[in-house]
Amino acid sequence: KHQKRSPSLSLTMPATTRSRRSSQSPSASSPSVSRSRSRSRSRSRTVKSAPSPSKSKAKKKASDEGPTTSGGHRIDDFKPPAVKDIVKGLLKPSPWLIFPSDSGSLCGFFDFVPLHLRVGPWFFLAPVFLLAYALSIFYLKPPLNLPDTSPVLYTFPHLFSGVAALNGLHVLHLILSKTGPAPLCTFTIWSWTILTTRSILTFLTPYTSSPSLHLLSSSLRFPSLVAATVTFFIWNLLLAPIFYTFFMKDPSSKKKFLTWNTQYHMIHIHALNYPIAMVTCVLTCSNLKFTEGDLWISLFVLFLYSCLYLLILDRIGVHLYPVFSPRSKFSVLGWCAVFGLYYGTFKGWNYFIESGMTSRVGSFFKW
């Protein structure tokens, strides 16, 4: 009635009234309109849920090229932060985490590590153990009476050292050209670099009479062997099974981890490193026992890496070996196990050298 009497009334009518009346109109409730609306809604839902081709291709490419972290990052794509930012953060004693926004996981690459192993105070025995380690290194230094291990020119030990040096440089080039210098902070590449450096020095010593070069080559003999031993046994018998069993949750991630771990350079640095170290450090000079000076040098090298891992990488949020986290109650036990492996390697190889077993095997390599 009012609409017929006053046509202008519809212009001043509230929007809610108009929408209510329009919703009650016959056209809105007709079956054809409701069907069309449901079809349009289903189409919009289909469009929203369909992934874009570029994203699906990128995801497929990432899954094919290597394992990823829980944050979806490929391990081979890891890019370290700027050096100036790291140095600036290390100069400040607090906060301990240089990049606190990452929650102790640099760029999300270490989200697979439990949070309590990344953030929080250290176990109270961890700093005590490290302090005792540092004091023993500097106050219990033995005399460094190292035998000369230089090979004779053009013999098998000399030629094998050259081949091992070229192979070591080739593997390092494959790794560093693909990922940059970031892998140098891992103990595996650390030990491979020491082994390669020792092979280079051993190959060069017959060409020079420099005492410093001969001493440096002999000094790296046992550190090369024990670092390769630790890498071989801890990775293949401890870390790799733990990563595969507990951190790779589904069959797809397990398959990608196996593919990544069996690449050409991974086989060299985790499996072939031990045989190469045995030949260059023991079998080609089998009559030379390891001295206490050799053991001290290897423990000093291990101390340098411990400082790198616990005082720099831990603050950045790089947790390569969660089982050795200083926040764990079992950290000191893990560190003692590494010391035991070092000392066991020292005593074990000296036992084989004294018994003459290595001499019989090493006689094959003396031509």
Protein backbone atom coordinates (compact mmCIF):
# COMPACT_ATOMS: atom_id res chain seq x y z
CA LYS A 1 0.00 0.00 0.00
CA HIS A 2 2.63 2.50 1.05
CA GLN A 3 4.78 1.65 -2.00
CA LYS A 4 1.89 2.34 -4.35
CA ARG A 5 1.04 5.65 -2.66
CA SER A 6 4.60 6.87 -2.45
CA PRO A 7 6.98 5.63 -5.19
CA SER A 8 9.90 7.46 -3.59
CA LEU A 9 9.58 5.34 -0.48
CA SER A 10 11.59 2.53 -2.04
CA LEU A 11 14.56 4.82 -2.39
CA THR A 12 14.69 5.52 1.33
CA MET A 13 13.98 1.96 2.38
CA PRO A 14 16.80 0.32 4.44
CA ALA A 15 19.09 -2.13 2.66
CA THR A 16 18.22 -4.95 5.04
CA THR A 17 14.54 -4.59 4.27
CA ARG A 18 15.17 -4.65 0.56
CA SER A 19 17.44 -7.71 0.81
CA ARG A 20 14.90 -9.52 3.00
CA ARG A 21 12.12 -8.83 0.53
CA SER A 22 14.25 -9.83 -2.43
CA SER A 23 15.21 -13.08 -0.74
CA GLN A 24 11.52 -13.82 -0.25
CA SER A 25 10.72 -13.21 -3.91
CA PRO A 26 9.64 -16.22 -5.97
CA SER A 27 12.53 -15.93 -8.37
CA ALA A 28 15.13 -16.39 -5.60
CA SER A 29 13.57 -19.56 -4.35
CA SER A 30 13.03 -21.14 -7.74
CA PRO A 31 14.78 -24.49 -8.36
CA SER A 32 16.63 -23.26 -11.47
CA VAL A 33 18.26 -20.37 -9.66
CA SER A 34 19.33 -22.54 -6.71
CA ARG A 35 20.82 -25.10 -9.09
CA SER A 36 22.81 -22.46 -10.94
CA ARG A 37 24.09 -21.03 -7.67
CA SER A 38 25.20 -24.45 -6.42
CA ARG A 39 26.95 -25.10 -9.73
CA SER A 40 28.81 -21.78 -9.52
CA ARG A 41 29.85 -22.51 -5.95
CA SER A 42 31.16 -25.96 -6.88
CA ARG A 43 33.09 -24.46 -9.81
CA SER A 44 34.68 -21.84 -7.55
CA ARG A 45 35.66 -24.52 -5.05
CA THR A 46 37.18 -26.60 -7.86
CA VAL A 47 39.16 -23.64 -9.15
CA LYS A 48 40.48 -22.81 -5.69
CA SER A 49 41.55 -26.36 -4.91
CA ALA A 50 43.31 -26.98 -8.22
CA PRO A 51 47.08 -26.43 -7.84
CA SER A 52 48.90 -24.27 -10.33
CA PRO A 53 51.08 -26.12 -12.87
CA SER A 54 54.20 -24.18 -11.88
CA LYS A 55 53.81 -25.12 -8.20
CA SER A 56 53.20 -28.78 -8.97
CA LYS A 57 56.23 -28.86 -11.28
CA ALA A 58 58.40 -27.20 -8.65
CA LYS A 59 57.17 -29.65 -6.02
CA LYS A 60 57.86 -32.61 -8.31
CA LYS A 61 61.32 -31.27 -9.13
CA ALA A 62 62.12 -30.77 -5.44
CA SER A 63 61.00 -34.29 -4.60
CA ASP A 64 63.09 -35.77 -7.37
CA GLU A 65 66.35 -33.98 -6.57
CA GLY A 66 66.92 -34.84 -2.93
CA PRO A 67 65.55 -35.07 0.60
CA THR A 68 63.68 -32.17 2.13
CA THR A 69 63.33 -30.95 5.69
CA SER A 70 60.05 -30.82 7.57
CA GLY A 71 59.71 -27.21 6.42
CA GLY A 72 59.75 -28.31 2.77
CA HIS A 73 63.28 -27.08 2.01
CA ARG A 74 65.65 -29.16 -0.09
CA ILE A 75 68.90 -29.98 1.69
CA ASP A 76 70.93 -29.23 -1.44
CA ASP A 77 69.38 -25.72 -1.63
CA PHE A 78 70.75 -24.62 1.74
CA LYS A 79 72.20 -21.11 1.60
CA PRO A 80 74.12 -19.78 4.61
CA PRO A 81 73.44 -16.26 5.91
CA ALA A 82 75.78 -13.37 5.25
CA VAL A 83 79.12 -13.64 7.01
CA LYS A 84 78.92 -10.07 8.32
CA ASP A 85 75.59 -10.82 10.03
CA ILE A 86 77.06 -13.94 11.67
CA VAL A 87 80.19 -12.10 12.87
CA LYS A 88 78.11 -9.21 14.18
CA GLY A 89 75.93 -11.63 16.14
CA LEU A 90 78.88 -13.64 17.49
CA LEU A 91 80.43 -10.50 18.97
CA LYS A 92 77.36 -10.07 21.20
CA PRO A 93 77.26 -12.49 24.15
CA SER A 94 73.47 -12.31 24.34
CA PRO A 95 71.09 -13.45 23.15
CA TRP A 96 72.67 -16.84 22.55
CA LEU A 97 70.68 -17.43 19.35
CA ILE A 98 71.85 -15.00 16.70
CA PHE A 99 68.64 -15.46 14.69
CA PRO A 100 65.96 -15.93 17.40
CA SER A 101 63.11 -15.67 14.88
CA ASP A 102 64.19 -19.06 13.47
CA SER A 103 63.65 -20.80 16.86
CA GLY A 104 67.09 -22.36 16.70
CA SER A 105 66.58 -23.69 13.17
CA LEU A 106 68.41 -21.72 10.50
CA CYS A 107 65.92 -20.78 7.75
CA GLY A 108 63.76 -23.73 8.87
CA PHE A 109 66.26 -26.31 7.64
CA PHE A 110 66.55 -27.98 11.05
CA ASP A 111 62.90 -28.10 12.05
CA PHE A 112 63.17 -31.89 12.17
CA VAL A 113 65.32 -31.55 15.31
CA PRO A 114 63.17 -31.47 18.48
CA LEU A 115 62.70 -27.97 19.88
CA HIS A 116 64.25 -28.79 23.27
CA LEU A 117 67.52 -29.71 21.51
CA ARG A 118 67.58 -26.38 19.65
CA VAL A 119 66.42 -23.82 22.22
CA GLY A 120 67.03 -23.51 25.94
CA PRO A 121 69.87 -23.87 28.45
CA TRP A 122 72.61 -26.44 28.12
CA PHE A 123 72.78 -29.50 30.34
CA PHE A 124 74.77 -28.42 33.40
CA LEU A 125 77.56 -30.97 32.87
CA ALA A 126 78.18 -29.90 29.25
CA PRO A 127 80.17 -26.68 29.95
CA VAL A 128 82.08 -28.44 32.77
CA PHE A 129 83.12 -31.19 30.37
CA LEU A 130 84.22 -28.69 27.71
CA LEU A 131 86.26 -26.68 30.22
CA ALA A 132 88.03 -29.83 31.44
CA TYR A 133 88.67 -30.81 27.82
CA ALA A 134 90.26 -27.43 27.03
CA LEU A 135 92.48 -27.49 30.13
CA SER A 136 93.67 -31.03 29.44
CA ILE A 137 94.53 -30.13 25.84
CA PHE A 138 96.76 -27.23 26.86
CA TYR A 139 98.28 -28.63 30.06
CA LEU A 140 98.83 -32.28 29.09
CA LYS A 141 100.66 -31.73 25.81
CA PRO A 142 103.23 -34.52 25.23
CA PRO A 143 106.46 -34.15 23.24
CA LEU A 144 105.72 -34.26 19.51
CA ASN A 145 108.24 -36.89 18.42
CA LEU A 146 106.67 -37.88 15.12
CA PRO A 147 108.36 -40.29 12.68
CA ASP A 148 108.87 -39.19 9.09
CA THR A 149 106.28 -40.87 6.86
CA SER A 150 107.49 -39.56 3.50
CA PRO A 151 107.28 -42.21 0.73
CA VAL A 152 110.02 -43.04 -1.76
CA LEU A 153 109.62 -41.35 -5.13
CA TYR A 154 107.52 -43.24 -7.72
CA THR A 155 106.70 -46.14 -5.39
CA PHE A 156 103.15 -47.34 -4.77
CA PRO A 157 102.68 -45.22 -1.58
CA HIS A 158 103.81 -42.12 -3.50
CA LEU A 159 101.60 -42.78 -6.53
CA PHE A 160 98.60 -43.78 -4.43
CA SER A 161 98.90 -40.53 -2.48
CA GLY A 162 98.76 -38.62 -5.75
CA VAL A 163 95.66 -40.50 -6.89
CA ALA A 164 94.00 -39.99 -3.50
CA ALA A 165 94.81 -36.28 -3.63
CA LEU A 166 93.28 -35.84 -7.11
CA ASN A 167 90.22 -37.87 -6.13
CA GLY A 168 89.78 -35.87 -2.92
CA LEU A 169 89.99 -32.55 -4.78
CA HIS A 170 87.51 -33.83 -7.38
CA VAL A 171 84.96 -34.82 -4.71
CA LEU A 172 85.38 -31.48 -2.92
CA HIS A 173 84.83 -29.66 -6.20
CA LEU A 174 81.64 -31.62 -6.85
CA ILE A 175 80.27 -30.74 -3.42
CA LEU A 176 81.35 -27.12 -3.08
CA SER A 177 80.50 -26.12 -6.66
CA LYS A 178 76.94 -27.31 -6.09
CA THR A 179 76.26 -26.04 -2.57
CA GLY A 180 78.90 -23.41 -1.82
CA PRO A 181 81.13 -23.39 1.29
CA ALA A 182 78.36 -24.41 3.74
CA PRO A 183 79.31 -28.15 3.85
CA LEU A 184 82.76 -27.24 5.18
CA CYS A 185 81.17 -26.87 8.62
CA THR A 186 80.25 -30.57 8.74
CA PHE A 187 82.60 -33.03 10.41
CA THR A 188 82.38 -35.29 7.34
CA ILE A 189 83.78 -32.65 4.96
CA TRP A 190 86.17 -31.53 7.70
CA SER A 191 87.64 -35.06 7.86
CA TRP A 192 87.64 -35.46 4.06
CA THR A 193 89.52 -32.15 3.72
CA ILE A 194 92.14 -33.30 6.26
CA LEU A 195 92.57 -36.60 4.43
CA THR A 196 92.92 -34.82 1.06
CA THR A 197 95.40 -32.30 2.50
CA ARG A 198 97.50 -35.10 3.95
CA SER A 199 97.50 -36.95 0.60
CA ILE A 200 98.68 -33.79 -1.18
CA LEU A 201 101.50 -33.23 1.33
CA THR A 202 102.56 -36.89 1.19
CA PHE A 203 102.76 -36.74 -2.59
CA LEU A 204 104.86 -33.54 -2.48
CA THR A 205 107.34 -34.56 0.23
CA PRO A 206 109.65 -36.66 -2.04
CA TYR A 207 110.22 -33.60 -4.20
CA THR A 208 111.44 -31.34 -1.40
CA SER A 209 113.66 -31.50 1.67
CA SER A 210 111.68 -28.87 3.60
CA PRO A 211 111.43 -30.09 7.23
CA SER A 212 108.23 -28.13 7.87
CA LEU A 213 106.45 -29.85 4.95
CA HIS A 214 107.60 -33.29 6.13
CA LEU A 215 106.51 -32.49 9.71
CA LEU A 216 103.09 -31.27 8.60
CA SER A 217 102.54 -34.39 6.53
CA SER A 218 103.47 -36.62 9.47
CA SER A 219 101.33 -34.54 11.86
CA LEU A 220 98.18 -35.17 9.82
CA ARG A 221 98.72 -38.93 9.61
CA PHE A 222 96.70 -40.01 12.66
CA PRO A 223 94.14 -37.14 12.50
CA SER A 224 93.32 -38.26 8.95
CA LEU A 225 92.90 -41.88 10.00
CA VAL A 226 90.88 -41.29 13.17
CA ALA A 227 88.59 -38.66 11.56
CA ALA A 228 87.83 -41.07 8.72
CA THR A 229 87.19 -43.83 11.29
CA VAL A 230 84.77 -41.69 13.30
CA THR A 231 82.96 -40.54 10.15
CA PHE A 232 82.67 -44.07 8.78
CA PHE A 233 81.37 -45.77 11.92
CA ILE A 234 79.27 -42.99 13.46
CA TRP A 235 77.52 -42.10 10.20
CA ASN A 236 76.92 -45.63 8.89
CA LEU A 237 76.17 -47.34 12.22
CA LEU A 238 74.58 -44.52 14.25
CA LEU A 239 73.49 -41.31 12.53
CA ALA A 240 72.22 -42.62 9.19
CA PRO A 241 70.04 -45.33 10.82
CA ILE A 242 68.67 -42.77 13.32
CA PHE A 243 67.82 -40.27 10.57
CA TYR A 244 66.22 -42.98 8.45
CA THR A 245 64.21 -44.57 11.28
CA PHE A 246 63.08 -41.64 13.43
CA PHE A 247 63.20 -38.48 11.30
CA MET A 248 61.99 -39.83 7.94
CA LYS A 249 58.33 -40.43 8.75
CA ASP A 250 56.86 -41.68 5.45
CA PRO A 251 58.08 -44.03 2.68
CA SER A 252 58.61 -41.14 0.27
CA SER A 253 61.03 -39.31 2.59
CA LYS A 254 62.83 -42.58 3.36
CA LYS A 255 63.32 -43.22 -0.35
CA LYS A 256 64.62 -39.69 -0.94
CA PHE A 257 67.04 -40.04 1.98
CA LEU A 258 68.44 -43.30 0.55
CA THR A 259 68.78 -41.70 -2.90
CA TRP A 260 70.59 -38.71 -1.41
CA ASN A 261 72.87 -40.88 0.76
CA THR A 262 73.97 -43.10 -2.16
CA GLN A 263 75.15 -40.35 -4.49
CA TYR A 264 78.67 -40.52 -5.94
CA HIS A 265 80.23 -37.97 -3.59
CA MET A 266 78.30 -39.27 -0.55
CA ILE A 267 79.69 -42.78 -1.07
CA HIS A 268 83.21 -41.34 -1.18
CA ILE A 269 82.98 -39.24 1.98
CA HIS A 270 81.06 -41.83 4.05
CA ALA A 271 82.29 -45.22 2.79
CA LEU A 272 85.47 -45.00 0.71
CA ASN A 273 87.13 -42.54 3.10
CA TYR A 274 88.03 -45.31 5.56
CA PRO A 275 89.81 -47.64 3.06
CA ILE A 276 91.71 -44.67 1.59
CA ALA A 277 92.83 -43.59 5.07
CA MET A 278 93.90 -47.13 5.98
CA VAL A 279 96.09 -47.44 2.88
CA THR A 280 97.69 -43.99 3.08
CA CYS A 281 98.14 -43.84 6.87
CA VAL A 282 98.81 -47.44 7.92
CA LEU A 283 99.43 -50.01 5.19
CA THR A 284 101.97 -47.95 3.24
CA CYS A 285 103.95 -47.21 6.42
CA SER A 286 103.04 -50.23 8.51
CA ASN A 287 106.15 -50.38 10.68
CA LEU A 288 105.62 -46.90 12.14
CA LYS A 289 103.60 -46.89 15.36
CA PHE A 290 101.45 -43.97 16.38
CA THR A 291 102.83 -41.93 19.27
CA GLU A 292 101.17 -39.96 22.04
CA GLY A 293 101.94 -36.87 19.98
CA ASP A 294 99.75 -38.25 17.18
CA LEU A 295 96.89 -38.77 19.64
CA TRP A 296 97.29 -35.27 21.08
CA ILE A 297 97.23 -33.64 17.63
CA SER A 298 94.05 -35.52 16.70
CA LEU A 299 92.35 -34.46 19.96
CA PHE A 300 93.43 -30.87 19.36
CA VAL A 301 91.86 -30.96 15.88
CA LEU A 302 88.70 -32.41 17.44
CA PHE A 303 88.73 -29.58 20.01
CA LEU A 304 88.83 -27.01 17.21
CA TYR A 305 85.82 -28.58 15.55
CA SER A 306 83.99 -28.78 18.89
CA CYS A 307 84.46 -25.02 19.32
CA LEU A 308 83.12 -24.45 15.81
CA TYR A 309 80.09 -26.66 16.38
CA LEU A 310 79.11 -25.63 19.93
CA LEU A 311 80.11 -21.96 20.00
CA ILE A 312 79.25 -20.89 16.44
CA LEU A 313 76.95 -23.34 14.66
CA ASP A 314 74.73 -23.83 17.73
CA ARG A 315 74.20 -20.06 17.99
CA ILE A 316 73.35 -19.81 14.29
CA GLY A 317 70.81 -22.62 14.51
CA VAL A 318 72.73 -25.32 12.63
CA HIS A 319 72.20 -28.72 14.29
CA LEU A 320 73.94 -31.28 12.12
CA TYR A 321 74.25 -33.95 14.83
CA PRO A 322 71.28 -33.78 17.23
CA VAL A 323 72.56 -36.71 19.30
CA PHE A 324 75.48 -34.51 20.40
CA SER A 325 73.34 -31.50 21.37
CA PRO A 326 74.65 -29.85 24.58
CA ARG A 327 71.02 -29.49 25.76
CA SER A 328 70.54 -33.23 25.97
CA LYS A 329 71.06 -35.10 29.23
CA PHE A 330 73.01 -37.70 27.27
CA SER A 331 75.35 -35.21 25.54
CA VAL A 332 78.31 -35.96 27.80
CA LEU A 333 77.86 -39.69 27.19
CA GLY A 334 77.93 -39.09 23.43
CA TRP A 335 81.07 -36.99 23.70
CA CYS A 336 82.74 -39.64 25.87
CA ALA A 337 81.86 -42.21 23.22
CA VAL A 338 83.71 -40.13 20.62
CA PHE A 339 86.75 -39.91 22.93
CA GLY A 340 86.57 -43.64 23.40
CA LEU A 341 86.52 -44.15 19.64
CA TYR A 342 89.58 -41.93 19.26
CA TYR A 343 91.50 -43.76 21.97
CA GLY A 344 90.33 -47.16 20.75
CA THR A 345 91.51 -46.36 17.22
CA PHE A 346 94.89 -45.30 18.61
CA LYS A 347 95.37 -48.45 20.70
CA GLY A 348 93.86 -50.79 18.11
CA TRP A 349 96.08 -49.77 15.21
CA ASN A 350 99.17 -49.81 17.40
CA TYR A 351 98.26 -53.35 18.45
CA PHE A 352 97.96 -54.47 14.81
CA ILE A 353 101.25 -52.75 13.93
CA GLU A 354 103.08 -54.38 16.86
CA SER A 355 101.68 -57.82 16.05
CA GLY A 356 103.06 -57.62 12.49
CA MET A 357 99.64 -58.08 10.85
CA THR A 358 99.82 -54.75 9.05
CA SER A 359 103.39 -55.53 7.91
CA ARG A 360 102.25 -58.67 6.13
CA VAL A 361 99.41 -56.82 4.41
CA GLY A 362 101.51 -53.74 3.81
CA SER A 363 104.27 -55.70 2.07
CA PHE A 364 101.98 -55.83 -0.96
CA PHE A 365 102.05 -52.02 -1.20
CA LYS A 366 105.84 -51.59 -1.10
CA TRP A 367 106.67 -52.06 -4.75
